[in-house]
Amino acid sequence: MTIGKGKKRVKNQPVLYEELKKCRGIYLTDTAWDFVRLSAIKLEMSASEYVEQLIREQQGR
């Protein structure tokens, strides 16, 4: 996911949401990780953004 052509990201400024992302850690099986990674590639986004959107969709946000 991109923020748009000509727009520059600024450090410590949220881009897609009202809050900044923080580094987190989760344990996934290789099967689950491959699914996340390949799904994200198909949608042209990072694995992190894919998981973020998946969770937000489940929460209705």
C-alpha atoms as a PDB file:
ATOM      1  CA  MET A   1       0.000   0.000   0.000  1.00  0.00           C
ATOM      2  CA  THR A   2       1.351   3.385  -0.915  1.00  0.00           C
ATOM      3  CA  ILE A   3       0.523   6.821   0.415  1.00  0.00           C
ATOM      4  CA  GLY A   4       0.409   8.397  -3.016  1.00  0.00           C
ATOM      5  CA  LYS A   5       2.829   9.709  -5.554  1.00  0.00           C
ATOM      6  CA  GLY A   6       4.726  12.776  -4.445  1.00  0.00           C
ATOM      7  CA  LYS A   7       3.847  12.393  -0.760  1.00  0.00           C
ATOM      8  CA  LYS A   8       6.762  11.925   1.607  1.00  0.00           C
ATOM      9  CA  ARG A   9       6.612   9.939   4.817  1.00  0.00           C
ATOM     10  CA  VAL A  10       7.794  11.835   7.874  1.00  0.00           C
ATOM     11  CA  LYS A  11       9.411  10.014  10.797  1.00  0.00           C
ATOM     12  CA  ASN A  12       7.168   9.628  13.832  1.00  0.00           C
ATOM     13  CA  GLN A  13       4.113  10.822  11.906  1.00  0.00           C
ATOM     14  CA  PRO A  14       1.261   8.363  11.278  1.00  0.00           C
ATOM     15  CA  VAL A  15       0.448   7.826   7.615  1.00  0.00           C
ATOM     16  CA  LEU A  16      -2.394   5.326   7.216  1.00  0.00           C
ATOM     17  CA  TYR A  17      -3.899   5.432  10.720  1.00  0.00           C
ATOM     18  CA  GLU A  18      -4.236   7.921  13.595  1.00  0.00           C
ATOM     19  CA  GLU A  19      -1.472   6.211  15.549  1.00  0.00           C
ATOM     20  CA  LEU A  20       2.063   5.061  14.891  1.00  0.00           C
ATOM     21  CA  LYS A  21       2.887   1.400  14.494  1.00  0.00           C
ATOM     22  CA  LYS A  22       5.279  -0.170  16.996  1.00  0.00           C
ATOM     23  CA  CYS A  23       7.507  -3.195  16.613  1.00  0.00           C
ATOM     24  CA  ARG A  24       5.708  -6.292  17.920  1.00  0.00           C
ATOM     25  CA  GLY A  25       6.470  -9.987  17.844  1.00  0.00           C
ATOM     26  CA  ILE A  26       4.164 -12.921  17.141  1.00  0.00           C
ATOM     27  CA  TYR A  27       4.874 -16.600  16.628  1.00  0.00           C
ATOM     28  CA  LEU A  28       3.465 -18.202  13.477  1.00  0.00           C
ATOM     29  CA  THR A  29       3.866 -21.591  11.898  1.00  0.00           C
ATOM     30  CA  ASP A  30       5.644 -21.679   8.552  1.00  0.00           C
ATOM     31  CA  THR A  31       2.280 -22.418   6.915  1.00  0.00           C
ATOM     32  CA  ALA A  32       0.630 -19.354   8.453  1.00  0.00           C
ATOM     33  CA  TRP A  33       3.615 -17.118   7.652  1.00  0.00           C
ATOM     34  CA  ASP A  34       3.664 -18.277   4.015  1.00  0.00           C
ATOM     35  CA  PHE A  35      -0.051 -17.476   3.749  1.00  0.00           C
ATOM     36  CA  VAL A  36       0.447 -13.979   5.200  1.00  0.00           C
ATOM     37  CA  ARG A  37       3.502 -13.297   3.043  1.00  0.00           C
ATOM     38  CA  LEU A  38       1.949 -14.536  -0.228  1.00  0.00           C
ATOM     39  CA  SER A  39      -1.369 -12.783   0.445  1.00  0.00           C
ATOM     40  CA  ALA A  40       0.468  -9.523   1.114  1.00  0.00           C
ATOM     41  CA  ILE A  41       2.490  -9.868  -2.087  1.00  0.00           C
ATOM     42  CA  LYS A  42      -0.701 -10.381  -4.123  1.00  0.00           C
ATOM     43  CA  LEU A  43      -2.139  -7.187  -2.616  1.00  0.00           C
ATOM     44  CA  GLU A  44       1.166  -5.303  -3.090  1.00  0.00           C
ATOM     45  CA  MET A  45       1.599  -4.513   0.601  1.00  0.00           C
ATOM     46  CA  SER A  46       3.844  -5.546   3.460  1.00  0.00           C
ATOM     47  CA  ALA A  47       3.074  -8.530   5.660  1.00  0.00           C
ATOM     48  CA  SER A  48       2.714  -6.076   8.555  1.00  0.00           C
ATOM     49  CA  GLU A  49       0.089  -4.030   6.719  1.00  0.00           C
ATOM     50  CA  TYR A  50      -1.742  -7.198   5.639  1.00  0.00           C
ATOM     51  CA  VAL A  51      -2.047  -8.368   9.262  1.00  0.00           C
ATOM     52  CA  GLU A  52      -3.064  -4.852  10.375  1.00  0.00           C
ATOM     53  CA  GLN A  53      -5.865  -4.691   7.800  1.00  0.00           C
ATOM     54  CA  LEU A  54      -6.997  -8.246   8.530  1.00  0.00           C
ATOM     55  CA  ILE A  55      -7.386  -7.441  12.227  1.00  0.00           C
ATOM     56  CA  ARG A  56      -9.057  -4.090  11.591  1.00  0.00           C
ATOM     57  CA  GLU A  57     -11.573  -5.761   9.252  1.00  0.00           C
ATOM     58  CA  GLN A  58     -12.416  -8.274  11.987  1.00  0.00           C
ATOM     59  CA  GLN A  59     -12.912  -5.427  14.443  1.00  0.00           C
ATOM     60  CA  GLY A  60     -15.065  -3.438  12.021  1.00  0.00           C
ATOM     61  CA  ARG A  61     -12.673  -0.484  11.764  1.00  0.00           C
END
